[in-house]
Amino acid sequence: MSGPASKRTTKRVGIGARPPASPHAEAWIRQGSSDEIQKGDLYTARLTLEITPGMRARIKVSAFTQGVTLADLLRALLEREFPEKSS
């Protein structure tokens, strides 16, 4: 059977080597900001609870209107309700 598919060429196009990167840029990417605490370093426990779809929707809308993530909104709420006791 002869058609457009039978007339394909086997021409290969090579991919060039990766261009050299700036060592300063690479170090900056790996280092990150030394002043910034990573969330993974700060938040290490996961909490799961079941809520109604309606409540989840209300929480999401509230977080959106406040311009924060749902997780940050709930963390702030829990922190207000259960503050760390200072000795």
N, C-alpha and C. Protein backbone atom coordinates (compact mmCIF):
# COMPACT_ATOMS: atom_id res chain seq x y z
N MET A 1 0.84 -1.17 0.00
CA MET A 1 0.00 0.00 0.00
C MET A 1 0.89 1.23 0.00
N SER A 2 0.62 2.10 -0.87
CA SER A 2 1.45 3.28 -1.00
C SER A 2 0.62 4.49 -0.62
N GLY A 3 1.18 5.35 0.20
CA GLY A 3 0.49 6.55 0.65
C GLY A 3 1.46 7.47 1.34
N PRO A 4 0.96 8.53 2.00
CA PRO A 4 1.84 9.49 2.66
C PRO A 4 2.68 8.84 3.76
N ALA A 5 2.11 7.88 4.47
CA ALA A 5 2.85 7.25 5.57
C ALA A 5 4.01 6.41 5.06
N SER A 6 3.89 5.84 3.86
CA SER A 6 4.95 4.98 3.35
C SER A 6 6.13 5.79 2.83
N LYS A 7 5.98 7.09 2.66
CA LYS A 7 7.05 7.92 2.12
C LYS A 7 7.79 8.69 3.21
N ARG A 8 7.68 8.25 4.47
CA ARG A 8 8.38 8.93 5.56
C ARG A 8 9.88 8.77 5.38
N THR A 9 10.57 9.79 5.74
CA THR A 9 12.03 9.70 5.69
C THR A 9 12.54 9.33 7.07
N THR A 10 13.69 8.77 7.11
CA THR A 10 14.28 8.37 8.38
C THR A 10 15.35 9.35 8.80
N LYS A 11 15.21 10.57 8.39
CA LYS A 11 16.18 11.60 8.74
C LYS A 11 16.11 11.86 10.24
N ARG A 12 17.23 11.81 10.91
CA ARG A 12 17.29 12.07 12.34
C ARG A 12 17.84 13.46 12.59
N VAL A 13 17.26 14.12 13.55
CA VAL A 13 17.73 15.43 13.95
C VAL A 13 18.37 15.28 15.32
N GLY A 14 19.61 15.66 15.43
CA GLY A 14 20.32 15.53 16.70
C GLY A 14 19.95 16.65 17.66
N ILE A 15 19.98 16.33 18.93
CA ILE A 15 19.74 17.35 19.95
C ILE A 15 21.10 17.76 20.48
N GLY A 16 21.34 19.04 20.52
CA GLY A 16 22.64 19.54 20.97
C GLY A 16 22.86 19.34 22.45
N ALA A 17 24.06 19.55 22.87
CA ALA A 17 24.42 19.43 24.29
C ALA A 17 23.77 20.56 25.08
N ARG A 18 23.55 20.31 26.35
CA ARG A 18 22.97 21.33 27.22
C ARG A 18 23.95 22.49 27.32
N PRO A 19 23.45 23.71 27.18
CA PRO A 19 24.36 24.85 27.28
C PRO A 19 24.93 24.96 28.69
N PRO A 20 26.14 25.46 28.81
CA PRO A 20 26.72 25.58 30.14
C PRO A 20 25.95 26.60 30.97
N ALA A 21 25.71 26.26 32.21
CA ALA A 21 24.97 27.15 33.11
C ALA A 21 25.95 27.95 33.94
N SER A 22 25.47 29.05 34.42
CA SER A 22 26.29 29.88 35.29
C SER A 22 26.42 29.20 36.65
N PRO A 23 27.63 29.01 37.15
CA PRO A 23 27.78 28.36 38.46
C PRO A 23 27.10 29.16 39.58
N HIS A 24 27.07 30.48 39.43
CA HIS A 24 26.43 31.32 40.44
C HIS A 24 24.92 31.10 40.43
N ALA A 25 24.34 30.97 39.26
CA ALA A 25 22.89 30.74 39.15
C ALA A 25 22.54 29.37 39.71
N GLU A 26 23.33 28.36 39.39
CA GLU A 26 23.08 27.02 39.90
C GLU A 26 23.13 26.99 41.43
N ALA A 27 24.13 27.65 42.01
CA ALA A 27 24.28 27.68 43.47
C ALA A 27 23.09 28.41 44.10
N TRP A 28 22.64 29.49 43.48
CA TRP A 28 21.52 30.26 44.00
C TRP A 28 20.24 29.42 43.99
N ILE A 29 20.03 28.65 42.94
CA ILE A 29 18.84 27.80 42.85
C ILE A 29 18.87 26.74 43.93
N ARG A 30 20.01 26.09 44.11
CA ARG A 30 20.13 25.03 45.11
C ARG A 30 20.01 25.57 46.53
N GLN A 31 20.57 26.75 46.78
CA GLN A 31 20.60 27.32 48.12
C GLN A 31 19.25 27.82 48.57
N GLY A 32 18.51 28.49 47.71
CA GLY A 32 17.25 29.11 48.11
C GLY A 32 17.56 30.32 48.96
N SER A 33 16.57 30.82 49.63
CA SER A 33 16.75 31.97 50.49
C SER A 33 17.10 31.49 51.89
N SER A 34 18.19 31.97 52.43
CA SER A 34 18.60 31.54 53.77
C SER A 34 17.68 32.11 54.84
N ASP A 35 16.98 33.21 54.54
CA ASP A 35 16.07 33.82 55.52
C ASP A 35 14.72 33.14 55.56
N GLU A 36 14.40 32.40 54.53
CA GLU A 36 13.07 31.79 54.40
C GLU A 36 13.03 30.40 55.02
N ILE A 37 12.06 30.17 55.89
CA ILE A 37 11.86 28.84 56.46
C ILE A 37 10.93 28.09 55.53
N GLN A 38 11.33 26.90 55.14
CA GLN A 38 10.51 26.09 54.26
C GLN A 38 9.33 25.52 55.04
N LYS A 39 8.14 25.48 54.43
CA LYS A 39 6.96 24.95 55.10
C LYS A 39 7.19 23.52 55.56
N GLY A 40 7.91 22.72 54.79
CA GLY A 40 8.18 21.35 55.17
C GLY A 40 8.98 21.26 56.46
N ASP A 41 9.82 22.30 56.73
CA ASP A 41 10.60 22.32 57.96
C ASP A 41 9.73 22.71 59.15
N LEU A 42 8.71 23.51 58.92
CA LEU A 42 7.87 24.03 59.99
C LEU A 42 6.68 23.13 60.29
N TYR A 43 6.00 22.66 59.25
CA TYR A 43 4.80 21.85 59.42
C TYR A 43 5.12 20.39 59.10
N THR A 44 5.14 19.55 60.12
CA THR A 44 5.53 18.16 59.90
C THR A 44 4.44 17.17 60.26
N ALA A 45 3.30 17.62 60.80
CA ALA A 45 2.22 16.71 61.16
C ALA A 45 1.01 17.00 60.27
N ARG A 46 0.37 15.95 59.82
CA ARG A 46 -0.81 16.09 58.97
C ARG A 46 -2.04 15.73 59.79
N LEU A 47 -3.10 16.51 59.61
CA LEU A 47 -4.34 16.29 60.33
C LEU A 47 -5.45 16.07 59.31
N THR A 48 -6.19 14.99 59.46
CA THR A 48 -7.28 14.68 58.55
C THR A 48 -8.58 14.65 59.34
N LEU A 49 -9.60 15.34 58.85
CA LEU A 49 -10.90 15.25 59.47
C LEU A 49 -11.97 15.31 58.40
N GLU A 50 -13.10 14.73 58.71
CA GLU A 50 -14.20 14.69 57.76
C GLU A 50 -15.18 15.80 58.08
N ILE A 51 -15.53 16.57 57.05
CA ILE A 51 -16.51 17.64 57.18
C ILE A 51 -17.51 17.51 56.03
N THR A 52 -18.60 18.22 56.15
CA THR A 52 -19.61 18.17 55.09
C THR A 52 -19.10 18.95 53.88
N PRO A 53 -19.58 18.61 52.70
CA PRO A 53 -19.19 19.38 51.51
C PRO A 53 -19.56 20.86 51.64
N GLY A 54 -20.68 21.13 52.29
CA GLY A 54 -21.10 22.53 52.47
C GLY A 54 -20.13 23.31 53.33
N MET A 55 -19.66 22.69 54.42
CA MET A 55 -18.70 23.37 55.28
C MET A 55 -17.39 23.59 54.55
N ARG A 56 -16.95 22.59 53.79
CA ARG A 56 -15.72 22.73 53.02
C ARG A 56 -15.84 23.90 52.04
N ALA A 57 -16.98 24.00 51.39
CA ALA A 57 -17.21 25.10 50.45
C ALA A 57 -17.15 26.45 51.17
N ARG A 58 -17.78 26.55 52.35
CA ARG A 58 -17.77 27.82 53.09
C ARG A 58 -16.36 28.19 53.51
N ILE A 59 -15.57 27.21 53.93
CA ILE A 59 -14.20 27.49 54.34
C ILE A 59 -13.37 27.95 53.14
N LYS A 60 -13.55 27.27 52.00
CA LYS A 60 -12.80 27.65 50.79
C LYS A 60 -13.15 29.06 50.34
N VAL A 61 -14.44 29.41 50.38
CA VAL A 61 -14.86 30.76 49.98
C VAL A 61 -14.27 31.79 50.93
N SER A 62 -14.29 31.50 52.22
CA SER A 62 -13.72 32.42 53.20
C SER A 62 -12.23 32.61 52.97
N ALA A 63 -11.52 31.53 52.73
CA ALA A 63 -10.08 31.63 52.46
C ALA A 63 -9.83 32.46 51.20
N PHE A 64 -10.60 32.22 50.16
CA PHE A 64 -10.43 32.95 48.91
C PHE A 64 -10.68 34.45 49.11
N THR A 65 -11.76 34.79 49.81
CA THR A 65 -12.08 36.21 50.01
C THR A 65 -11.06 36.91 50.88
N GLN A 66 -10.36 36.16 51.75
CA GLN A 66 -9.31 36.73 52.59
C GLN A 66 -7.95 36.73 51.89
N GLY A 67 -7.89 36.08 50.73
CA GLY A 67 -6.64 36.05 49.96
C GLY A 67 -5.58 35.14 50.56
N VAL A 68 -6.02 34.08 51.25
CA VAL A 68 -5.08 33.12 51.84
C VAL A 68 -5.45 31.72 51.38
N THR A 69 -4.54 30.79 51.61
CA THR A 69 -4.85 29.41 51.28
C THR A 69 -5.75 28.83 52.36
N LEU A 70 -6.45 27.78 52.01
CA LEU A 70 -7.31 27.10 52.96
C LEU A 70 -6.48 26.60 54.15
N ALA A 71 -5.32 26.04 53.88
CA ALA A 71 -4.47 25.53 54.94
C ALA A 71 -4.01 26.64 55.88
N ASP A 72 -3.61 27.79 55.33
CA ASP A 72 -3.17 28.90 56.17
C ASP A 72 -4.32 29.45 57.01
N LEU A 73 -5.51 29.51 56.43
CA LEU A 73 -6.68 29.98 57.17
C LEU A 73 -6.95 29.06 58.36
N LEU A 74 -6.93 27.75 58.13
CA LEU A 74 -7.20 26.80 59.22
C LEU A 74 -6.08 26.79 60.26
N ARG A 75 -4.84 26.96 59.83
CA ARG A 75 -3.73 27.04 60.80
C ARG A 75 -3.92 28.24 61.72
N ALA A 76 -4.29 29.39 61.16
CA ALA A 76 -4.50 30.59 61.96
C ALA A 76 -5.66 30.40 62.93
N LEU A 77 -6.74 29.79 62.47
CA LEU A 77 -7.89 29.53 63.32
C LEU A 77 -7.50 28.61 64.49
N LEU A 78 -6.78 27.55 64.20
CA LEU A 78 -6.35 26.62 65.24
C LEU A 78 -5.36 27.29 66.21
N GLU A 79 -4.50 28.13 65.68
CA GLU A 79 -3.53 28.84 66.54
C GLU A 79 -4.25 29.80 67.49
N ARG A 80 -5.29 30.48 67.01
CA ARG A 80 -6.07 31.37 67.88
C ARG A 80 -6.80 30.58 68.96
N GLU A 81 -7.34 29.45 68.59
CA GLU A 81 -8.13 28.63 69.52
C GLU A 81 -7.24 27.87 70.50
N PHE A 82 -6.07 27.46 70.05
CA PHE A 82 -5.16 26.67 70.87
C PHE A 82 -3.77 27.30 70.88
N PRO A 83 -3.62 28.48 71.50
CA PRO A 83 -2.32 29.14 71.48
C PRO A 83 -1.28 28.34 72.30
N GLU A 84 -0.04 28.53 71.90
CA GLU A 84 1.06 27.89 72.63
C GLU A 84 1.18 28.57 73.99
N LYS A 85 1.25 27.80 75.02
CA LYS A 85 1.37 28.34 76.37
C LYS A 85 2.82 28.76 76.62
N SER A 86 3.02 29.97 77.09
CA SER A 86 4.38 30.41 77.43
C SER A 86 4.62 30.14 78.91
N SER A 87 5.77 29.54 79.21
CA SER A 87 6.06 29.16 80.60
C SER A 87 6.75 30.24 81.37
